[in-house]
């Protein structure tokens, strides 16, 4: 993990909103970690394609969640991922 994180900045999910407002994250090599705290049953979009929605949290501030929408190949590959997975 030390090697993978070298020269990268850790931004907690609970800090993401404030960091987006204060910093230009496109110029920073950053990483975040999240736990799937809720999964919505896969749904169909207007175009007929199926997608998933996950709610992620860093377990530091349970009131701060990020919704992640999975489409296309990402949805197909990961929709069965268990709630509680990091």
PDB file of N, CA and C in Angstrom:
ATOM      1  N   UNK A   1       0.821  -1.184   0.000  1.00  0.00           N
ATOM      2  CA  UNK A   1       0.000   0.000   0.000  1.00  0.00           C
ATOM      3  C   UNK A   1       0.872   1.257   0.000  1.00  0.00           C
ATOM      4  N   UNK A   2       1.981   1.201   0.713  1.00  0.00           N
ATOM      5  CA  UNK A   2       2.882   2.353   0.755  1.00  0.00           C
ATOM      6  C   UNK A   2       3.379   2.677  -0.650  1.00  0.00           C
ATOM      7  N   UNK A   3       3.730   1.649  -1.404  1.00  0.00           N
ATOM      8  CA  UNK A   3       4.215   1.856  -2.773  1.00  0.00           C
ATOM      9  C   UNK A   3       3.108   2.430  -3.658  1.00  0.00           C
ATOM     10  N   UNK A   4       1.888   1.906  -3.540  1.00  0.00           N
ATOM     11  CA  UNK A   4       0.768   2.386  -4.362  1.00  0.00           C
ATOM     12  C   UNK A   4       0.389   3.834  -4.027  1.00  0.00           C
ATOM     13  N   UNK A   5       0.586   4.239  -2.785  1.00  0.00           N
ATOM     14  CA  UNK A   5       0.195   5.588  -2.352  1.00  0.00           C
ATOM     15  C   UNK A   5       1.311   6.618  -2.524  1.00  0.00           C
ATOM     16  N   UNK A   6       2.490   6.183  -2.911  1.00  0.00           N
ATOM     17  CA  UNK A   6       3.619   7.111  -3.063  1.00  0.00           C
ATOM     18  C   UNK A   6       3.239   8.241  -4.019  1.00  0.00           C
ATOM     19  N   UNK A   7       3.493   9.471  -3.599  1.00  0.00           N
ATOM     20  CA  UNK A   7       3.238  10.685  -4.389  1.00  0.00           C
ATOM     21  C   UNK A   7       1.748  10.934  -4.668  1.00  0.00           C
ATOM     22  N   UNK A   8       0.888  10.308  -3.906  1.00  0.00           N
ATOM     23  CA  UNK A   8      -0.556  10.533  -4.048  1.00  0.00           C
ATOM     24  C   UNK A   8      -1.093  11.149  -2.762  1.00  0.00           C
ATOM     25  N   UNK A   9      -2.155  11.918  -2.925  1.00  0.00           N
ATOM     26  CA  UNK A   9      -2.784  12.553  -1.779  1.00  0.00           C
ATOM     27  C   UNK A   9      -4.069  11.796  -1.437  1.00  0.00           C
ATOM     28  N   UNK A  10      -4.226  11.423  -0.167  1.00  0.00           N
ATOM     29  CA  UNK A  10      -5.443  10.777   0.295  1.00  0.00           C
ATOM     30  C   UNK A  10      -6.468  11.849   0.621  1.00  0.00           C
ATOM     31  N   UNK A  11      -7.635  11.740   0.014  1.00  0.00           N
ATOM     32  CA  UNK A  11      -8.749  12.626   0.331  1.00  0.00           C
ATOM     33  C   UNK A  11      -9.893  11.737   0.792  1.00  0.00           C
ATOM     34  N   UNK A  12     -10.297  11.926   2.032  1.00  0.00           N
ATOM     35  CA  UNK A  12     -11.398  11.126   2.572  1.00  0.00           C
ATOM     36  C   UNK A  12     -12.703  11.507   1.879  1.00  0.00           C
ATOM     37  N   UNK A  13     -13.587  10.535   1.702  1.00  0.00           N
ATOM     38  CA  UNK A  13     -14.870  10.817   1.073  1.00  0.00           C
ATOM     39  C   UNK A  13     -15.621  11.921   1.807  1.00  0.00           C
ATOM     40  N   UNK A  14     -15.520  11.939   3.141  1.00  0.00           N
ATOM     41  CA  UNK A  14     -16.220  12.963   3.915  1.00  0.00           C
ATOM     42  C   UNK A  14     -15.625  14.355   3.700  1.00  0.00           C
ATOM     43  N   UNK A  15     -14.427  14.447   3.127  1.00  0.00           N
ATOM     44  CA  UNK A  15     -13.779  15.726   2.839  1.00  0.00           C
ATOM     45  C   UNK A  15     -13.918  16.129   1.379  1.00  0.00           C
ATOM     46  N   UNK A  16     -14.443  15.252   0.557  1.00  0.00           N
ATOM     47  CA  UNK A  16     -14.426  15.456  -0.889  1.00  0.00           C
ATOM     48  C   UNK A  16     -15.134  16.736  -1.318  1.00  0.00           C
ATOM     49  N   UNK A  17     -16.296  17.010  -0.779  1.00  0.00           N
ATOM     50  CA  UNK A  17     -17.051  18.195  -1.172  1.00  0.00           C
ATOM     51  C   UNK A  17     -16.275  19.476  -0.887  1.00  0.00           C
ATOM     52  N   UNK A  18     -15.696  19.576   0.299  1.00  0.00           N
ATOM     53  CA  UNK A  18     -14.935  20.781   0.635  1.00  0.00           C
ATOM     54  C   UNK A  18     -13.645  20.882  -0.177  1.00  0.00           C
ATOM     55  N   UNK A  19     -13.007  19.760  -0.458  1.00  0.00           N
ATOM     56  CA  UNK A  19     -11.780  19.769  -1.272  1.00  0.00           C
ATOM     57  C   UNK A  19     -12.079  20.176  -2.705  1.00  0.00           C
ATOM     58  N   UNK A  20     -13.218  19.719  -3.249  1.00  0.00           N
ATOM     59  CA  UNK A  20     -13.597  20.111  -4.614  1.00  0.00           C
ATOM     60  C   UNK A  20     -13.810  21.617  -4.704  1.00  0.00           C
ATOM     61  N   UNK A  21     -14.343  22.207  -3.653  1.00  0.00           N
ATOM     62  CA  UNK A  21     -14.591  23.645  -3.644  1.00  0.00           C
ATOM     63  C   UNK A  21     -13.304  24.445  -3.467  1.00  0.00           C
ATOM     64  N   UNK A  22     -12.336  23.891  -2.741  1.00  0.00           N
ATOM     65  CA  UNK A  22     -11.132  24.639  -2.384  1.00  0.00           C
ATOM     66  C   UNK A  22      -9.929  24.386  -3.280  1.00  0.00           C
ATOM     67  N   UNK A  23      -9.871  23.231  -3.930  1.00  0.00           N
ATOM     68  CA  UNK A  23      -8.682  22.854  -4.697  1.00  0.00           C
ATOM     69  C   UNK A  23      -9.062  22.412  -6.106  1.00  0.00           C
ATOM     70  N   UNK A  24      -8.115  22.527  -7.023  1.00  0.00           N
ATOM     71  CA  UNK A  24      -8.305  22.001  -8.371  1.00  0.00           C
ATOM     72  C   UNK A  24      -7.762  20.578  -8.375  1.00  0.00           C
ATOM     73  N   UNK A  25      -8.646  19.618  -8.136  1.00  0.00           N
ATOM     74  CA  UNK A  25      -8.212  18.229  -7.998  1.00  0.00           C
ATOM     75  C   UNK A  25      -7.749  17.608  -9.301  1.00  0.00           C
ATOM     76  N   UNK A  26      -8.031  18.264 -10.426  1.00  0.00           N
ATOM     77  CA  UNK A  26      -7.558  17.746 -11.704  1.00  0.00           C
ATOM     78  C   UNK A  26      -6.043  17.852 -11.821  1.00  0.00           C
ATOM     79  N   UNK A  27      -5.445  18.698 -11.009  1.00  0.00           N
ATOM     80  CA  UNK A  27      -3.991  18.892 -11.054  1.00  0.00           C
ATOM     81  C   UNK A  27      -3.261  18.086  -9.993  1.00  0.00           C
ATOM     82  N   UNK A  28      -4.001  17.297  -9.218  1.00  0.00           N
ATOM     83  CA  UNK A  28      -3.427  16.526  -8.119  1.00  0.00           C
ATOM     84  C   UNK A  28      -3.662  15.046  -8.370  1.00  0.00           C
ATOM     85  N   UNK A  29      -2.659  14.221  -8.065  1.00  0.00           N
ATOM     86  CA  UNK A  29      -2.829  12.774  -8.123  1.00  0.00           C
ATOM     87  C   UNK A  29      -3.376  12.352  -6.761  1.00  0.00           C
ATOM     88  N   UNK A  30      -4.683  12.114  -6.702  1.00  0.00           N
ATOM     89  CA  UNK A  30      -5.318  11.817  -5.429  1.00  0.00           C
ATOM     90  C   UNK A  30      -6.083  10.503  -5.488  1.00  0.00           C
ATOM     91  N   UNK A  31      -6.372   9.984  -4.297  1.00  0.00           N
ATOM     92  CA  UNK A  31      -7.079   8.717  -4.176  1.00  0.00           C
ATOM     93  C   UNK A  31      -8.037   8.825  -2.994  1.00  0.00           C
ATOM     94  N   UNK A  32      -9.112   8.065  -3.069  1.00  0.00           N
ATOM     95  CA  UNK A  32     -10.046   7.989  -1.957  1.00  0.00           C
ATOM     96  C   UNK A  32     -10.481   6.548  -1.774  1.00  0.00           C
ATOM     97  N   UNK A  33     -10.983   6.243  -0.597  1.00  0.00           N
ATOM     98  CA  UNK A  33     -11.474   4.908  -0.288  1.00  0.00           C
ATOM     99  C   UNK A  33     -12.900   5.038   0.221  1.00  0.00           C
ATOM    100  N   UNK A  34     -13.725   4.070  -0.093  1.00  0.00           N
ATOM    101  CA  UNK A  34     -15.087   4.097   0.396  1.00  0.00           C
ATOM    102  C   UNK A  34     -15.616   2.698   0.628  1.00  0.00           C
ATOM    103  N   UNK A  35     -16.595   2.633   1.493  1.00  0.00           N
ATOM    104  CA  UNK A  35     -17.291   1.392   1.800  1.00  0.00           C
ATOM    105  C   UNK A  35     -18.686   1.505   1.204  1.00  0.00           C
ATOM    106  N   UNK A  36     -19.140   0.448   0.538  1.00  0.00           N
ATOM    107  CA  UNK A  36     -20.502   0.445   0.010  1.00  0.00           C
ATOM    108  C   UNK A  36     -21.445   0.277   1.206  1.00  0.00           C
ATOM    109  N   UNK A  37     -22.145   1.356   1.561  1.00  0.00           N
ATOM    110  CA  UNK A  37     -23.057   1.296   2.697  1.00  0.00           C
ATOM    111  C   UNK A  37     -24.494   1.029   2.267  1.00  0.00           C
ATOM    112  N   UNK A  38     -24.792   1.245   0.990  1.00  0.00           N
ATOM    113  CA  UNK A  38     -26.131   0.948   0.477  1.00  0.00           C
ATOM    114  C   UNK A  38     -26.050   0.706  -1.023  1.00  0.00           C
ATOM    115  N   UNK A  39     -26.810  -0.278  -1.478  1.00  0.00           N
ATOM    116  CA  UNK A  39     -26.914  -0.563  -2.911  1.00  0.00           C
ATOM    117  C   UNK A  39     -28.379  -0.492  -3.296  1.00  0.00           C
ATOM    118  N   UNK A  40     -28.661   0.195  -4.383  1.00  0.00           N
ATOM    119  CA  UNK A  40     -30.007   0.245  -4.927  1.00  0.00           C
ATOM    120  C   UNK A  40     -30.119  -0.885  -5.949  1.00  0.00           C
ATOM    121  N   UNK A  41     -31.256  -1.550  -5.984  1.00  0.00           N
ATOM    122  CA  UNK A  41     -31.484  -2.607  -6.970  1.00  0.00           C
ATOM    123  C   UNK A  41     -31.226  -2.046  -8.370  1.00  0.00           C
ATOM    124  N   UNK A  42     -30.493  -2.775  -9.223  1.00  0.00           N
ATOM    125  CA  UNK A  42     -30.220  -2.274 -10.572  1.00  0.00           C
ATOM    126  C   UNK A  42     -31.502  -1.791 -11.262  1.00  0.00           C
ATOM    127  N   UNK A  43     -31.355  -0.689 -11.989  1.00  0.00           N
ATOM    128  CA  UNK A  43     -32.487  -0.046 -12.641  1.00  0.00           C
ATOM    129  C   UNK A  43     -32.229   0.092 -14.130  1.00  0.00           C
ATOM    130  N   UNK A  44     -33.280   0.362 -14.876  1.00  0.00           N
ATOM    131  CA  UNK A  44     -33.155   0.587 -16.315  1.00  0.00           C
ATOM    132  C   UNK A  44     -33.284   2.069 -16.615  1.00  0.00           C
ATOM    133  N   UNK A  45     -32.367   2.575 -17.426  1.00  0.00           N
ATOM    134  CA  UNK A  45     -32.414   3.970 -17.859  1.00  0.00           C
ATOM    135  C   UNK A  45     -33.443   4.099 -18.976  1.00  0.00           C
ATOM    136  N   UNK A  46     -33.741   5.332 -19.376  1.00  0.00           N
ATOM    137  CA  UNK A  46     -34.697   5.577 -20.467  1.00  0.00           C
ATOM    138  C   UNK A  46     -34.279   4.903 -21.768  1.00  0.00           C
ATOM    139  N   UNK A  47     -32.973   4.720 -21.950  1.00  0.00           N
ATOM    140  CA  UNK A  47     -32.485   4.085 -23.177  1.00  0.00           C
ATOM    141  C   UNK A  47     -32.493   2.555 -23.086  1.00  0.00           C
ATOM    142  N   UNK A  48     -32.986   2.015 -21.959  1.00  0.00           N
ATOM    143  CA  UNK A  48     -33.091   0.568 -21.800  1.00  0.00           C
ATOM    144  C   UNK A  48     -31.880  -0.091 -21.186  1.00  0.00           C
ATOM    145  N   UNK A  49     -30.817   0.650 -20.992  1.00  0.00           N
ATOM    146  CA  UNK A  49     -29.610   0.068 -20.400  1.00  0.00           C
ATOM    147  C   UNK A  49     -29.720   0.038 -18.876  1.00  0.00           C
ATOM    148  N   UNK A  50     -29.184  -1.012 -18.291  1.00  0.00           N
ATOM    149  CA  UNK A  50     -29.252  -1.193 -16.847  1.00  0.00           C
ATOM    150  C   UNK A  50     -28.067  -0.514 -16.171  1.00  0.00           C
ATOM    151  N   UNK A  51     -28.322   0.037 -14.985  1.00  0.00           N
ATOM    152  CA  UNK A  51     -27.270   0.679 -14.203  1.00  0.00           C
ATOM    153  C   UNK A  51     -27.504   0.414 -12.725  1.00  0.00           C
ATOM    154  N   UNK A  52     -26.473   0.646 -11.921  1.00  0.00           N
ATOM    155  CA  UNK A  52     -26.545   0.479 -10.469  1.00  0.00           C
ATOM    156  C   UNK A  52     -26.188   1.787  -9.791  1.00  0.00           C
ATOM    157  N   UNK A  53     -26.661   1.923  -8.574  1.00  0.00           N
ATOM    158  CA  UNK A  53     -26.291   3.077  -7.742  1.00  0.00           C
ATOM    159  C   UNK A  53     -25.797   2.544  -6.408  1.00  0.00           C
ATOM    160  N   UNK A  54     -24.611   2.982  -6.031  1.00  0.00           N
ATOM    161  CA  UNK A  54     -24.046   2.642  -4.726  1.00  0.00           C
ATOM    162  C   UNK A  54     -23.916   3.920  -3.915  1.00  0.00           C
ATOM    163  N   UNK A  55     -24.141   3.801  -2.608  1.00  0.00           N
ATOM    164  CA  UNK A  55     -23.845   4.910  -1.700  1.00  0.00           C
ATOM    165  C   UNK A  55     -22.580   4.516  -0.938  1.00  0.00           C
ATOM    166  N   UNK A  56     -21.586   5.380  -1.013  1.00  0.00           N
ATOM    167  CA  UNK A  56     -20.283   5.117  -0.402  1.00  0.00           C
ATOM    168  C   UNK A  56     -20.049   6.051   0.779  1.00  0.00           C
ATOM    169  N   UNK A  57     -19.315   5.554   1.770  1.00  0.00           N
ATOM    170  CA  UNK A  57     -18.980   6.344   2.944  1.00  0.00           C
ATOM    171  C   UNK A  57     -17.596   5.929   3.414  1.00  0.00           C
ATOM    172  N   UNK A  58     -16.907   6.838   4.102  1.00  0.00           N
ATOM    173  CA  UNK A  58     -15.578   6.499   4.621  1.00  0.00           C
ATOM    174  C   UNK A  58     -15.616   6.060   6.083  1.00  0.00           C
ATOM    175  N   UNK A  59     -16.809   5.918   6.642  1.00  0.00           N
ATOM    176  CA  UNK A  59     -17.050   5.479   8.018  1.00  0.00           C
ATOM    177  C   UNK A  59     -16.518   6.455   9.056  1.00  0.00           C
ATOM    178  N   UNK A  60     -16.157   7.650   8.636  1.00  0.00           N
ATOM    179  CA  UNK A  60     -15.738   8.696   9.562  1.00  0.00           C
ATOM    180  C   UNK A  60     -16.899   9.591   9.921  1.00  0.00           C
ATOM    181  N   UNK A  61     -17.687   9.922   8.920  1.00  0.00           N
ATOM    182  CA  UNK A  61     -18.850  10.789   9.102  1.00  0.00           C
ATOM    183  C   UNK A  61     -19.999  10.152   8.328  1.00  0.00           C
ATOM    184  N   UNK A  62     -20.863   9.449   9.040  1.00  0.00           N
ATOM    185  CA  UNK A  62     -21.919   8.688   8.385  1.00  0.00           C
ATOM    186  C   UNK A  62     -22.975   9.567   7.723  1.00  0.00           C
ATOM    187  N   UNK A  63     -22.933  10.874   7.982  1.00  0.00           N
ATOM    188  CA  UNK A  63     -23.887  11.770   7.316  1.00  0.00           C
ATOM    189  C   UNK A  63     -23.390  12.206   5.934  1.00  0.00           C
ATOM    190  N   UNK A  64     -22.127  11.929   5.619  1.00  0.00           N
ATOM    191  CA  UNK A  64     -21.527  12.330   4.341  1.00  0.00           C
ATOM    192  C   UNK A  64     -21.354  11.105   3.444  1.00  0.00           C
ATOM    193  N   UNK A  65     -22.249  10.943   2.485  1.00  0.00           N
ATOM    194  CA  UNK A  65     -22.161   9.831   1.541  1.00  0.00           C
ATOM    195  C   UNK A  65     -21.983  10.371   0.129  1.00  0.00           C
ATOM    196  N   UNK A  66     -21.411   9.550  -0.715  1.00  0.00           N
ATOM    197  CA  UNK A  66     -21.245   9.862  -2.134  1.00  0.00           C
ATOM    198  C   UNK A  66     -22.010   8.803  -2.912  1.00  0.00           C
ATOM    199  N   UNK A  67     -22.816   9.240  -3.868  1.00  0.00           N
ATOM    200  CA  UNK A  67     -23.531   8.295  -4.731  1.00  0.00           C
ATOM    201  C   UNK A  67     -22.673   8.012  -5.953  1.00  0.00           C
ATOM    202  N   UNK A  68     -22.508   6.753  -6.254  1.00  0.00           N
ATOM    203  CA  UNK A  68     -21.719   6.321  -7.400  1.00  0.00           C
ATOM    204  C   UNK A  68     -22.647   5.578  -8.355  1.00  0.00           C
ATOM    205  N   UNK A  69     -22.732   6.053  -9.591  1.00  0.00           N
ATOM    206  CA  UNK A  69     -23.569   5.430 -10.612  1.00  0.00           C
ATOM    207  C   UNK A  69     -22.685   4.570 -11.499  1.00  0.00           C
ATOM    208  N   UNK A  70     -23.057   3.316 -11.680  1.00  0.00           N
ATOM    209  CA  UNK A  70     -22.284   2.369 -12.489  1.00  0.00           C
ATOM    210  C   UNK A  70     -23.059   2.060 -13.761  1.00  0.00           C
ATOM    211  N   UNK A  71     -22.440   2.321 -14.903  1.00  0.00           N
ATOM    212  CA  UNK A  71     -23.052   2.101 -16.208  1.00  0.00           C
ATOM    213  C   UNK A  71     -22.188   1.161 -17.041  1.00  0.00           C
ATOM    214  N   UNK A  72     -22.763   0.629 -18.091  1.00  0.00           N
ATOM    215  CA  UNK A  72     -22.021  -0.130 -19.099  1.00  0.00           C
ATOM    216  C   UNK A  72     -21.255  -1.305 -18.543  1.00  0.00           C
ATOM    217  N   UNK A  73     -20.008  -1.438 -19.008  1.00  0.00           N
ATOM    218  CA  UNK A  73     -19.166  -2.566 -18.593  1.00  0.00           C
ATOM    219  C   UNK A  73     -18.882  -2.555 -17.095  1.00  0.00           C
ATOM    220  N   UNK A  74     -18.776  -1.361 -16.504  1.00  0.00           N
ATOM    221  CA  UNK A  74     -18.524  -1.267 -15.056  1.00  0.00           C
ATOM    222  C   UNK A  74     -19.700  -1.869 -14.300  1.00  0.00           C
ATOM    223  N   UNK A  75     -20.904  -1.537 -14.726  1.00  0.00           N
ATOM    224  CA  UNK A  75     -22.096  -2.126 -14.094  1.00  0.00           C
ATOM    225  C   UNK A  75     -22.087  -3.642 -14.267  1.00  0.00           C
ATOM    226  N   UNK A  76     -21.853  -4.110 -15.489  1.00  0.00           N
ATOM    227  CA  UNK A  76     -21.871  -5.550 -15.761  1.00  0.00           C
ATOM    228  C   UNK A  76     -20.854  -6.311 -14.914  1.00  0.00           C
ATOM    229  N   UNK A  77     -19.693  -5.714 -14.717  1.00  0.00           N
ATOM    230  CA  UNK A  77     -18.618  -6.387 -13.984  1.00  0.00           C
ATOM    231  C   UNK A  77     -18.799  -6.332 -12.469  1.00  0.00           C
ATOM    232  N   UNK A  78     -19.418  -5.262 -11.955  1.00  0.00           N
ATOM    233  CA  UNK A  78     -19.410  -5.043 -10.506  1.00  0.00           C
ATOM    234  C   UNK A  78     -20.772  -5.032  -9.819  1.00  0.00           C
ATOM    235  N   UNK A  79     -21.882  -5.193 -10.527  1.00  0.00           N
ATOM    236  CA  UNK A  79     -23.187  -5.022  -9.906  1.00  0.00           C
ATOM    237  C   UNK A  79     -23.463  -6.016  -8.781  1.00  0.00           C
ATOM    238  N   UNK A  80     -22.779  -7.143  -8.774  1.00  0.00           N
ATOM    239  CA  UNK A  80     -22.990  -8.140  -7.720  1.00  0.00           C
ATOM    240  C   UNK A  80     -22.103  -7.914  -6.500  1.00  0.00           C
ATOM    241  N   UNK A  81     -21.266  -6.884  -6.508  1.00  0.00           N
ATOM    242  CA  UNK A  81     -20.387  -6.600  -5.378  1.00  0.00           C
ATOM    243  C   UNK A  81     -21.227  -6.424  -4.110  1.00  0.00           C
ATOM    244  N   UNK A  82     -20.806  -7.039  -3.032  1.00  0.00           N
ATOM    245  CA  UNK A  82     -21.569  -7.017  -1.785  1.00  0.00           C
ATOM    246  C   UNK A  82     -21.502  -5.682  -1.067  1.00  0.00           C
ATOM    247  N   UNK A  83     -22.624  -5.343  -0.440  1.00  0.00           N
ATOM    248  CA  UNK A  83     -22.650  -4.192   0.452  1.00  0.00           C
ATOM    249  C   UNK A  83     -21.647  -4.455   1.576  1.00  0.00           C
ATOM    250  N   UNK A  84     -20.921  -3.442   2.001  1.00  0.00           N
ATOM    251  CA  UNK A  84     -19.885  -3.601   3.015  1.00  0.00           C
ATOM    252  C   UNK A  84     -18.486  -3.743   2.415  1.00  0.00           C
ATOM    253  N   UNK A  85     -18.404  -3.909   1.115  1.00  0.00           N
ATOM    254  CA  UNK A  85     -17.111  -4.048   0.439  1.00  0.00           C
ATOM    255  C   UNK A  85     -16.407  -2.694   0.384  1.00  0.00           C
ATOM    256  N   UNK A  86     -15.104  -2.692   0.573  1.00  0.00           N
ATOM    257  CA  UNK A  86     -14.304  -1.468   0.468  1.00  0.00           C
ATOM    258  C   UNK A  86     -13.865  -1.315  -0.961  1.00  0.00           C
TER     259      UNK A  86
END
